[in-house]
Amino acid sequence: MLEQQIYEYLLTFHLGKENLIKNKDLRARFNVGSDKSLRKIIQNIRESKDFSEIIGSVSGKSGGFYICETDEEIEETINNIKHRANQMLRMCYVLDWKRERLE
């Protein structure tokens, strides 16, 4: 299972934000075809109770994935995910508002 392999690799070689691995490098190592596919694998790991450690991520050109080691890294990861979720929820409200105006 690719999730297990990637999780174990991150646990072994990428502990802490300072040791993150770039998305493209992780994809190349595990022959994952697209950015979207890798994000889905990371999501599966994050959502599974089988994997106890938290995978952190940094977006942007210098970004990548890592296993959170500190409370600060965990907090930052959770806050980033909450922020993205809130952005999507805000978009839903706007789209609902627009739909109602069209009716």
PDB file of N, CA and C in Angstrom:
ATOM      1  N   MET A   1       0.850  -1.194   0.000  1.00  0.00           N
ATOM      2  CA  MET A   1       0.000   0.000   0.000  1.00  0.00           C
ATOM      3  C   MET A   1       0.882   1.240   0.000  1.00  0.00           C
ATOM      4  N   LEU A   2       0.636   2.122  -0.936  1.00  0.00           N
ATOM      5  CA  LEU A   2       1.469   3.312  -1.109  1.00  0.00           C
ATOM      6  C   LEU A   2       1.426   4.219   0.123  1.00  0.00           C
ATOM      7  N   GLU A   3       0.265   4.345   0.746  1.00  0.00           N
ATOM      8  CA  GLU A   3       0.156   5.177   1.948  1.00  0.00           C
ATOM      9  C   GLU A   3       1.149   4.718   3.011  1.00  0.00           C
ATOM     10  N   GLN A   4       1.195   3.409   3.242  1.00  0.00           N
ATOM     11  CA  GLN A   4       2.101   2.843   4.249  1.00  0.00           C
ATOM     12  C   GLN A   4       3.555   3.135   3.901  1.00  0.00           C
ATOM     13  N   GLN A   5       3.917   2.962   2.642  1.00  0.00           N
ATOM     14  CA  GLN A   5       5.300   3.188   2.212  1.00  0.00           C
ATOM     15  C   GLN A   5       5.704   4.649   2.376  1.00  0.00           C
ATOM     16  N   ILE A   6       4.834   5.548   1.963  1.00  0.00           N
ATOM     17  CA  ILE A   6       5.142   6.978   2.065  1.00  0.00           C
ATOM     18  C   ILE A   6       5.213   7.407   3.524  1.00  0.00           C
ATOM     19  N   TYR A   7       4.274   6.932   4.334  1.00  0.00           N
ATOM     20  CA  TYR A   7       4.265   7.253   5.768  1.00  0.00           C
ATOM     21  C   TYR A   7       5.569   6.802   6.421  1.00  0.00           C
ATOM     22  N   GLU A   8       5.965   5.565   6.175  1.00  0.00           N
ATOM     23  CA  GLU A   8       7.192   5.037   6.783  1.00  0.00           C
ATOM     24  C   GLU A   8       8.426   5.787   6.288  1.00  0.00           C
ATOM     25  N   TYR A   9       8.430   6.164   5.018  1.00  0.00           N
ATOM     26  CA  TYR A   9       9.549   6.942   4.472  1.00  0.00           C
ATOM     27  C   TYR A   9       9.652   8.299   5.175  1.00  0.00           C
ATOM     28  N   LEU A  10       8.505   8.985   5.323  1.00  0.00           N
ATOM     29  CA  LEU A  10       8.515  10.283   6.007  1.00  0.00           C
ATOM     30  C   LEU A  10       8.973  10.121   7.455  1.00  0.00           C
ATOM     31  N   LEU A  11       8.498   9.068   8.125  1.00  0.00           N
ATOM     32  CA  LEU A  11       8.898   8.812   9.514  1.00  0.00           C
ATOM     33  C   LEU A  11      10.401   8.590   9.643  1.00  0.00           C
ATOM     34  N   THR A  12      10.985   7.967   8.646  1.00  0.00           N
ATOM     35  CA  THR A  12      12.403   7.621   8.699  1.00  0.00           C
ATOM     36  C   THR A  12      13.306   8.796   8.326  1.00  0.00           C
ATOM     37  N   PHE A  13      12.904   9.550   7.318  1.00  0.00           N
ATOM     38  CA  PHE A  13      13.828  10.544   6.758  1.00  0.00           C
ATOM     39  C   PHE A  13      13.389  12.006   6.859  1.00  0.00           C
ATOM     40  N   HIS A  14      12.138  12.261   7.244  1.00  0.00           N
ATOM     41  CA  HIS A  14      11.653  13.647   7.172  1.00  0.00           C
ATOM     42  C   HIS A  14      10.905  14.053   8.436  1.00  0.00           C
ATOM     43  N   LEU A  15      11.618  13.962   9.561  1.00  0.00           N
ATOM     44  CA  LEU A  15      11.062  14.379  10.842  1.00  0.00           C
ATOM     45  C   LEU A  15      11.305  15.868  11.038  1.00  0.00           C
ATOM     46  N   GLY A  16      10.249  16.609  11.284  1.00  0.00           N
ATOM     47  CA  GLY A  16      10.371  18.038  11.529  1.00  0.00           C
ATOM     48  C   GLY A  16      10.343  18.856  10.254  1.00  0.00           C
ATOM     49  N   LYS A  17       9.823  20.063  10.414  1.00  0.00           N
ATOM     50  CA  LYS A  17       9.658  20.981   9.282  1.00  0.00           C
ATOM     51  C   LYS A  17      10.972  21.276   8.566  1.00  0.00           C
ATOM     52  N   GLU A  18      12.060  21.313   9.323  1.00  0.00           N
ATOM     53  CA  GLU A  18      13.353  21.642   8.706  1.00  0.00           C
ATOM     54  C   GLU A  18      13.846  20.514   7.798  1.00  0.00           C
ATOM     55  N   ASN A  19      13.213  19.342   7.876  1.00  0.00           N
ATOM     56  CA  ASN A  19      13.609  18.199   7.050  1.00  0.00           C
ATOM     57  C   ASN A  19      12.543  17.819   6.030  1.00  0.00           C
ATOM     58  N   LEU A  20      11.725  18.790   5.634  1.00  0.00           N
ATOM     59  CA  LEU A  20      10.639  18.454   4.704  1.00  0.00           C
ATOM     60  C   LEU A  20      11.184  17.992   3.364  1.00  0.00           C
ATOM     61  N   ILE A  21      10.346  17.270   2.640  1.00  0.00           N
ATOM     62  CA  ILE A  21      10.676  16.832   1.278  1.00  0.00           C
ATOM     63  C   ILE A  21       9.696  17.502   0.321  1.00  0.00           C
ATOM     64  N   LYS A  22      10.226  18.021  -0.758  1.00  0.00           N
ATOM     65  CA  LYS A  22       9.382  18.695  -1.747  1.00  0.00           C
ATOM     66  C   LYS A  22       8.400  17.704  -2.375  1.00  0.00           C
ATOM     67  N   ASN A  23       7.238  18.215  -2.706  1.00  0.00           N
ATOM     68  CA  ASN A  23       6.183  17.425  -3.322  1.00  0.00           C
ATOM     69  C   ASN A  23       6.721  16.646  -4.530  1.00  0.00           C
ATOM     70  N   LYS A  24       7.414  17.345  -5.431  1.00  0.00           N
ATOM     71  CA  LYS A  24       7.889  16.697  -6.663  1.00  0.00           C
ATOM     72  C   LYS A  24       8.909  15.608  -6.368  1.00  0.00           C
ATOM     73  N   ASP A  25       9.733  15.798  -5.336  1.00  0.00           N
ATOM     74  CA  ASP A  25      10.732  14.785  -4.972  1.00  0.00           C
ATOM     75  C   ASP A  25      10.065  13.545  -4.372  1.00  0.00           C
ATOM     76  N   LEU A  26       9.039  13.762  -3.559  1.00  0.00           N
ATOM     77  CA  LEU A  26       8.301  12.641  -2.976  1.00  0.00           C
ATOM     78  C   LEU A  26       7.552  11.877  -4.073  1.00  0.00           C
ATOM     79  N   ARG A  27       6.969  12.622  -5.008  1.00  0.00           N
ATOM     80  CA  ARG A  27       6.269  11.980  -6.137  1.00  0.00           C
ATOM     81  C   ARG A  27       7.236  11.138  -6.964  1.00  0.00           C
ATOM     82  N   ALA A  28       8.418  11.688  -7.229  1.00  0.00           N
ATOM     83  CA  ALA A  28       9.408  10.972  -8.033  1.00  0.00           C
ATOM     84  C   ALA A  28       9.873   9.702  -7.314  1.00  0.00           C
ATOM     85  N   ARG A  29      10.110   9.787  -6.031  1.00  0.00           N
ATOM     86  CA  ARG A  29      10.602   8.639  -5.257  1.00  0.00           C
ATOM     87  C   ARG A  29       9.607   7.483  -5.285  1.00  0.00           C
ATOM     88  N   PHE A  30       8.311   7.804  -5.248  1.00  0.00           N
ATOM     89  CA  PHE A  30       7.285   6.759  -5.183  1.00  0.00           C
ATOM     90  C   PHE A  30       6.492   6.627  -6.490  1.00  0.00           C
ATOM     91  N   ASN A  31       6.996   7.270  -7.538  1.00  0.00           N
ATOM     92  CA  ASN A  31       6.387   7.168  -8.866  1.00  0.00           C
ATOM     93  C   ASN A  31       4.891   7.520  -8.838  1.00  0.00           C
ATOM     94  N   VAL A  32       4.572   8.627  -8.174  1.00  0.00           N
ATOM     95  CA  VAL A  32       3.196   9.127  -8.130  1.00  0.00           C
ATOM     96  C   VAL A  32       3.072  10.137  -9.266  1.00  0.00           C
ATOM     97  N   GLY A  33       2.088   9.924 -10.140  1.00  0.00           N
ATOM     98  CA  GLY A  33       2.009  10.681 -11.383  1.00  0.00           C
ATOM     99  C   GLY A  33       1.681  12.147 -11.275  1.00  0.00           C
ATOM    100  N   SER A  34       0.850  12.527 -10.311  1.00  0.00           N
ATOM    101  CA  SER A  34       0.418  13.923 -10.279  1.00  0.00           C
ATOM    102  C   SER A  34       0.405  14.478  -8.869  1.00  0.00           C
ATOM    103  N   ASP A  35       0.432  15.788  -8.809  1.00  0.00           N
ATOM    104  CA  ASP A  35       0.339  16.503  -7.539  1.00  0.00           C
ATOM    105  C   ASP A  35      -0.963  16.135  -6.826  1.00  0.00           C
ATOM    106  N   LYS A  36      -2.040  16.086  -7.587  1.00  0.00           N
ATOM    107  CA  LYS A  36      -3.354  15.761  -7.021  1.00  0.00           C
ATOM    108  C   LYS A  36      -3.361  14.360  -6.405  1.00  0.00           C
ATOM    109  N   SER A  37      -2.724  13.416  -7.069  1.00  0.00           N
ATOM    110  CA  SER A  37      -2.654  12.045  -6.554  1.00  0.00           C
ATOM    111  C   SER A  37      -1.890  11.986  -5.237  1.00  0.00           C
ATOM    112  N   LEU A  38      -0.769  12.708  -5.162  1.00  0.00           N
ATOM    113  CA  LEU A  38       0.005  12.710  -3.918  1.00  0.00           C
ATOM    114  C   LEU A  38      -0.787  13.370  -2.791  1.00  0.00           C
ATOM    115  N   ARG A  39      -1.461  14.467  -3.094  1.00  0.00           N
ATOM    116  CA  ARG A  39      -2.261  15.125  -2.044  1.00  0.00           C
ATOM    117  C   ARG A  39      -3.350  14.198  -1.522  1.00  0.00           C
ATOM    118  N   LYS A  40      -3.932  13.378  -2.395  1.00  0.00           N
ATOM    119  CA  LYS A  40      -4.947  12.415  -1.976  1.00  0.00           C
ATOM    120  C   LYS A  40      -4.333  11.351  -1.054  1.00  0.00           C
ATOM    121  N   ILE A  41      -3.135  10.890  -1.383  1.00  0.00           N
ATOM    122  CA  ILE A  41      -2.438   9.914  -0.541  1.00  0.00           C
ATOM    123  C   ILE A  41      -2.161  10.514   0.838  1.00  0.00           C
ATOM    124  N   ILE A  42      -1.671  11.754   0.864  1.00  0.00           N
ATOM    125  CA  ILE A  42      -1.399  12.436   2.138  1.00  0.00           C
ATOM    126  C   ILE A  42      -2.702  12.591   2.921  1.00  0.00           C
ATOM    127  N   GLN A  43      -3.778  12.948   2.245  1.00  0.00           N
ATOM    128  CA  GLN A  43      -5.082  13.075   2.903  1.00  0.00           C
ATOM    129  C   GLN A  43      -5.503  11.730   3.509  1.00  0.00           C
ATOM    130  N   ASN A  44      -5.324  10.646   2.764  1.00  0.00           N
ATOM    131  CA  ASN A  44      -5.674   9.317   3.273  1.00  0.00           C
ATOM    132  C   ASN A  44      -4.889   8.984   4.538  1.00  0.00           C
ATOM    133  N   ILE A  45      -3.594   9.312   4.539  1.00  0.00           N
ATOM    134  CA  ILE A  45      -2.760   9.064   5.718  1.00  0.00           C
ATOM    135  C   ILE A  45      -3.255   9.900   6.890  1.00  0.00           C
ATOM    136  N   ARG A  46      -3.504  11.172   6.646  1.00  0.00           N
ATOM    137  CA  ARG A  46      -3.959  12.068   7.716  1.00  0.00           C
ATOM    138  C   ARG A  46      -5.287  11.606   8.320  1.00  0.00           C
ATOM    139  N   GLU A  47      -6.172  11.076   7.500  1.00  0.00           N
ATOM    140  CA  GLU A  47      -7.504  10.699   7.959  1.00  0.00           C
ATOM    141  C   GLU A  47      -7.562   9.312   8.579  1.00  0.00           C
ATOM    142  N   SER A  48      -6.519   8.507   8.391  1.00  0.00           N
ATOM    143  CA  SER A  48      -6.530   7.133   8.888  1.00  0.00           C
ATOM    144  C   SER A  48      -6.040   7.055  10.331  1.00  0.00           C
ATOM    145  N   LYS A  49      -6.741   6.286  11.133  1.00  0.00           N
ATOM    146  CA  LYS A  49      -6.311   6.059  12.518  1.00  0.00           C
ATOM    147  C   LYS A  49      -5.136   5.091  12.590  1.00  0.00           C
ATOM    148  N   ASP A  50      -4.805   4.450  11.453  1.00  0.00           N
ATOM    149  CA  ASP A  50      -3.677   3.512  11.410  1.00  0.00           C
ATOM    150  C   ASP A  50      -2.328   4.228  11.460  1.00  0.00           C
ATOM    151  N   PHE A  51      -2.319   5.519  11.129  1.00  0.00           N
ATOM    152  CA  PHE A  51      -1.083   6.297  11.104  1.00  0.00           C
ATOM    153  C   PHE A  51      -1.168   7.360  12.198  1.00  0.00           C
ATOM    154  N   SER A  52      -0.425   7.153  13.284  1.00  0.00           N
ATOM    155  CA  SER A  52      -0.603   8.002  14.470  1.00  0.00           C
ATOM    156  C   SER A  52       0.102   9.356  14.378  1.00  0.00           C
ATOM    157  N   GLU A  53       1.170   9.439  13.608  1.00  0.00           N
ATOM    158  CA  GLU A  53       1.895  10.706  13.511  1.00  0.00           C
ATOM    159  C   GLU A  53       1.207  11.633  12.514  1.00  0.00           C
ATOM    160  N   ILE A  54       1.380  12.935  12.733  1.00  0.00           N
ATOM    161  CA  ILE A  54       0.733  13.941  11.890  1.00  0.00           C
ATOM    162  C   ILE A  54       1.694  14.402  10.798  1.00  0.00           C
ATOM    163  N   ILE A  55       1.198  14.391   9.563  1.00  0.00           N
ATOM    164  CA  ILE A  55       1.998  14.900   8.446  1.00  0.00           C
ATOM    165  C   ILE A  55       1.720  16.387   8.305  1.00  0.00           C
ATOM    166  N   GLY A  56       2.779  17.162   8.397  1.00  0.00           N
ATOM    167  CA  GLY A  56       2.694  18.597   8.185  1.00  0.00           C
ATOM    168  C   GLY A  56       3.024  18.920   6.744  1.00  0.00           C
ATOM    169  N   SER A  57       2.642  20.107   6.332  1.00  0.00           N
ATOM    170  CA  SER A  57       2.973  20.529   4.974  1.00  0.00           C
ATOM    171  C   SER A  57       3.186  22.027   4.942  1.00  0.00           C
ATOM    172  N   VAL A  58       4.015  22.423   3.999  1.00  0.00           N
ATOM    173  CA  VAL A  58       4.287  23.833   3.748  1.00  0.00           C
ATOM    174  C   VAL A  58       3.975  24.052   2.276  1.00  0.00           C
ATOM    175  N   SER A  59       3.186  25.086   1.975  1.00  0.00           N
ATOM    176  CA  SER A  59       2.844  25.342   0.578  1.00  0.00           C
ATOM    177  C   SER A  59       3.864  26.282  -0.053  1.00  0.00           C
ATOM    178  N   GLY A  60       3.806  26.362  -1.361  1.00  0.00           N
ATOM    179  CA  GLY A  60       4.701  27.268  -2.078  1.00  0.00           C
ATOM    180  C   GLY A  60       5.926  26.559  -2.616  1.00  0.00           C
ATOM    181  N   LYS A  61       6.780  27.335  -3.271  1.00  0.00           N
ATOM    182  CA  LYS A  61       7.962  26.775  -3.934  1.00  0.00           C
ATOM    183  C   LYS A  61       8.914  26.085  -2.976  1.00  0.00           C
ATOM    184  N   SER A  62       9.039  26.595  -1.769  1.00  0.00           N
ATOM    185  CA  SER A  62       9.963  25.990  -0.804  1.00  0.00           C
ATOM    186  C   SER A  62       9.245  24.987   0.092  1.00  0.00           C
ATOM    187  N   GLY A  63       8.029  24.650  -0.275  1.00  0.00           N
ATOM    188  CA  GLY A  63       7.210  23.782   0.560  1.00  0.00           C
ATOM    189  C   GLY A  63       7.441  22.305   0.342  1.00  0.00           C
ATOM    190  N   GLY A  64       6.680  21.512   1.108  1.00  0.00           N
ATOM    191  CA  GLY A  64       6.765  20.069   1.017  1.00  0.00           C
ATOM    192  C   GLY A  64       6.071  19.430   2.202  1.00  0.00           C
ATOM    193  N   PHE A  65       6.411  18.156   2.461  1.00  0.00           N
ATOM    194  CA  PHE A  65       5.775  17.382   3.521  1.00  0.00           C
ATOM    195  C   PHE A  65       6.793  16.901   4.541  1.00  0.00           C
ATOM    196  N   TYR A  66       6.323  16.691   5.761  1.00  0.00           N
ATOM    197  CA  TYR A  66       7.191  16.226   6.841  1.00  0.00           C
ATOM    198  C   TYR A  66       6.321  15.654   7.964  1.00  0.00           C
ATOM    199  N   ILE A  67       6.948  14.934   8.878  1.00  0.00           N
ATOM    200  CA  ILE A  67       6.262  14.456  10.074  1.00  0.00           C
ATOM    201  C   ILE A  67       6.430  15.517  11.158  1.00  0.00           C
ATOM    202  N   CYS A  68       5.323  15.971  11.728  1.00  0.00           N
ATOM    203  CA  CYS A  68       5.370  16.986  12.790  1.00  0.00           C
ATOM    204  C   CYS A  68       6.076  16.425  14.025  1.00  0.00           C
ATOM    205  N   GLU A  69       6.990  17.209  14.559  1.00  0.00           N
ATOM    206  CA  GLU A  69       7.722  16.813  15.768  1.00  0.00           C
ATOM    207  C   GLU A  69       7.348  17.658  16.979  1.00  0.00           C
ATOM    208  N   THR A  70       6.957  18.895  16.751  1.00  0.00           N
ATOM    209  CA  THR A  70       6.700  19.793  17.878  1.00  0.00           C
ATOM    210  C   THR A  70       5.216  20.163  17.928  1.00  0.00           C
ATOM    211  N   ASP A  71       4.801  20.630  19.089  1.00  0.00           N
ATOM    212  CA  ASP A  71       3.424  21.119  19.237  1.00  0.00           C
ATOM    213  C   ASP A  71       3.163  22.276  18.279  1.00  0.00           C
ATOM    214  N   GLU A  72       4.177  23.111  18.059  1.00  0.00           N
ATOM    215  CA  GLU A  72       4.044  24.247  17.153  1.00  0.00           C
ATOM    216  C   GLU A  72       3.789  23.771  15.717  1.00  0.00           C
ATOM    217  N   GLU A  73       4.503  22.740  15.287  1.00  0.00           N
ATOM    218  CA  GLU A  73       4.298  22.205  13.937  1.00  0.00           C
ATOM    219  C   GLU A  73       2.897  21.603  13.797  1.00  0.00           C
ATOM    220  N   ILE A  74       2.444  20.905  14.827  1.00  0.00           N
ATOM    221  CA  ILE A  74       1.096  20.328  14.809  1.00  0.00           C
ATOM    222  C   ILE A  74       0.051  21.432  14.750  1.00  0.00           C
ATOM    223  N   GLU A  75       0.212  22.441  15.580  1.00  0.00           N
ATOM    224  CA  GLU A  75      -0.729  23.567  15.623  1.00  0.00           C
ATOM    225  C   GLU A  75      -0.782  24.288  14.279  1.00  0.00           C
ATOM    226  N   GLU A  76       0.370  24.519  13.682  1.00  0.00           N
ATOM    227  CA  GLU A  76       0.444  25.192  12.385  1.00  0.00           C
ATOM    228  C   GLU A  76      -0.272  24.364  11.313  1.00  0.00           C
ATOM    229  N   THR A  77      -0.070  23.059  11.328  1.00  0.00           N
ATOM    230  CA  THR A  77      -0.714  22.169  10.351  1.00  0.00           C
ATOM    231  C   THR A  77      -2.228  22.213  10.498  1.00  0.00           C
ATOM    232  N   ILE A  78      -2.706  22.094  11.725  1.00  0.00           N
ATOM    233  CA  ILE A  78      -4.154  22.117  11.976  1.00  0.00           C
ATOM    234  C   ILE A  78      -4.738  23.465  11.569  1.00  0.00           C
ATOM    235  N   ASN A  79      -4.055  24.555  11.915  1.00  0.00           N
ATOM    236  CA  ASN A  79      -4.546  25.891  11.555  1.00  0.00           C
ATOM    237  C   ASN A  79      -4.593  26.094  10.044  1.00  0.00           C
ATOM    238  N   ASN A  80      -3.584  25.579   9.325  1.00  0.00           N
ATOM    239  CA  ASN A  80      -3.579  25.701   7.863  1.00  0.00           C
ATOM    240  C   ASN A  80      -4.767  24.960   7.247  1.00  0.00           C
ATOM    241  N   ILE A  81      -5.054  23.771   7.758  1.00  0.00           N
ATOM    242  CA  ILE A  81      -6.180  22.991   7.237  1.00  0.00           C
ATOM    243  C   ILE A  81      -7.499  23.679   7.568  1.00  0.00           C
ATOM    244  N   LYS A  82      -7.625  24.207   8.786  1.00  0.00           N
ATOM    245  CA  LYS A  82      -8.837  24.949   9.156  1.00  0.00           C
ATOM    246  C   LYS A  82      -9.026  26.167   8.263  1.00  0.00           C
ATOM    247  N   HIS A  83      -7.938  26.861   7.965  1.00  0.00           N
ATOM    248  CA  HIS A  83      -8.005  28.057   7.122  1.00  0.00           C
ATOM    249  C   HIS A  83      -8.522  27.695   5.725  1.00  0.00           C
ATOM    250  N   ARG A  84      -7.981  26.605   5.148  1.00  0.00           N
ATOM    251  CA  ARG A  84      -8.436  26.169   3.820  1.00  0.00           C
ATOM    252  C   ARG A  84      -9.904  25.765   3.855  1.00  0.00           C
ATOM    253  N   ALA A  85     -10.303  25.078   4.925  1.00  0.00           N
ATOM    254  CA  ALA A  85     -11.708  24.661   5.057  1.00  0.00           C
ATOM    255  C   ALA A  85     -12.621  25.881   5.150  1.00  0.00           C
ATOM    256  N   ASN A  86     -12.210  26.887   5.901  1.00  0.00           N
ATOM    257  CA  ASN A  86     -13.006  28.108   6.019  1.00  0.00           C
ATOM    258  C   ASN A  86     -13.116  28.847   4.691  1.00  0.00           C
ATOM    259  N   GLN A  87     -12.041  28.861   3.909  1.00  0.00           N
ATOM    260  CA  GLN A  87     -12.086  29.482   2.587  1.00  0.00           C
ATOM    261  C   GLN A  87     -13.110  28.785   1.696  1.00  0.00           C
ATOM    262  N   MET A  88     -13.120  27.451   1.745  1.00  0.00           N
ATOM    263  CA  MET A  88     -14.084  26.697   0.927  1.00  0.00           C
ATOM    264  C   MET A  88     -15.514  26.939   1.396  1.00  0.00           C
ATOM    265  N   LEU A  89     -15.727  27.003   2.698  1.00  0.00           N
ATOM    266  CA  LEU A  89     -17.060  27.260   3.234  1.00  0.00           C
ATOM    267  C   LEU A  89     -17.540  28.656   2.832  1.00  0.00           C
ATOM    268  N   ARG A  90     -16.641  29.629   2.885  1.00  0.00           N
ATOM    269  CA  ARG A  90     -16.982  30.984   2.461  1.00  0.00           C
ATOM    270  C   ARG A  90     -17.398  30.995   0.992  1.00  0.00           C
ATOM    271  N   MET A  91     -16.660  30.234   0.169  1.00  0.00           N
ATOM    272  CA  MET A  91     -16.993  30.132  -1.253  1.00  0.00           C
ATOM    273  C   MET A  91     -18.392  29.535  -1.427  1.00  0.00           C
ATOM    274  N   CYS A  92     -18.736  28.536  -0.635  1.00  0.00           N
ATOM    275  CA  CYS A  92     -20.073  27.920  -0.717  1.00  0.00           C
ATOM    276  C   CYS A  92     -21.154  28.953  -0.408  1.00  0.00           C
ATOM    277  N   TYR A  93     -20.938  29.773   0.603  1.00  0.00           N
ATOM    278  CA  TYR A  93     -21.914  30.810   0.942  1.00  0.00           C
ATOM    279  C   TYR A  93     -22.098  31.797  -0.213  1.00  0.00           C
ATOM    280  N   VAL A  94     -20.997  32.193  -0.819  1.00  0.00           N
ATOM    281  CA  VAL A  94     -21.063  33.132  -1.942  1.00  0.00           C
ATOM    282  C   VAL A  94     -21.806  32.501  -3.118  1.00  0.00           C
ATOM    283  N   LEU A  95     -21.493  31.244  -3.420  1.00  0.00           N
ATOM    284  CA  LEU A  95     -22.154  30.573  -4.544  1.00  0.00           C
ATOM    285  C   LEU A  95     -23.640  30.372  -4.268  1.00  0.00           C
ATOM    286  N   ASP A  96     -23.998  30.041  -3.030  1.00  0.00           N
ATOM    287  CA  ASP A  96     -25.417  29.931  -2.667  1.00  0.00           C
ATOM    288  C   ASP A  96     -26.125  31.268  -2.852  1.00  0.00           C
ATOM    289  N   TRP A  97     -25.454  32.341  -2.416  1.00  0.00           N
ATOM    290  CA  TRP A  97     -26.025  33.683  -2.544  1.00  0.00           C
ATOM    291  C   TRP A  97     -26.256  34.012  -4.017  1.00  0.00           C
ATOM    292  N   LYS A  98     -25.255  33.709  -4.856  1.00  0.00           N
ATOM    293  CA  LYS A  98     -25.391  33.975  -6.293  1.00  0.00           C
ATOM    294  C   LYS A  98     -26.521  33.153  -6.903  1.00  0.00           C
ATOM    295  N   ARG A  99     -26.632  31.904  -6.514  1.00  0.00           N
ATOM    296  CA  ARG A  99     -27.681  31.023  -7.042  1.00  0.00           C
ATOM    297  C   ARG A  99     -29.066  31.583  -6.687  1.00  0.00           C
ATOM    298  N   GLU A 100     -29.218  32.033  -5.459  1.00  0.00           N
ATOM    299  CA  GLU A 100     -30.511  32.588  -5.013  1.00  0.00           C
ATOM    300  C   GLU A 100     -30.883  33.838  -5.799  1.00  0.00           C
ATOM    301  N   ARG A 101     -29.896  34.607  -6.178  1.00  0.00           N
ATOM    302  CA  ARG A 101     -30.164  35.831  -6.956  1.00  0.00           C
ATOM    303  C   ARG A 101     -30.601  35.499  -8.368  1.00  0.00           C
ATOM    304  N   LEU A 102     -30.166  34.330  -8.880  1.00  0.00           N
ATOM    305  CA  LEU A 102     -30.525  33.923 -10.234  1.00  0.00           C
ATOM    306  C   LEU A 102     -31.948  33.355 -10.307  1.00  0.00           C
ATOM    307  N   GLU A 103     -32.447  32.885  -9.174  1.00  0.00           N
ATOM    308  CA  GLU A 103     -33.783  32.243  -9.178  1.00  0.00           C
ATOM    309  C   GLU A 103     -34.905  33.247  -9.213  1.00  0.00           C
TER     310      GLU A 103
END
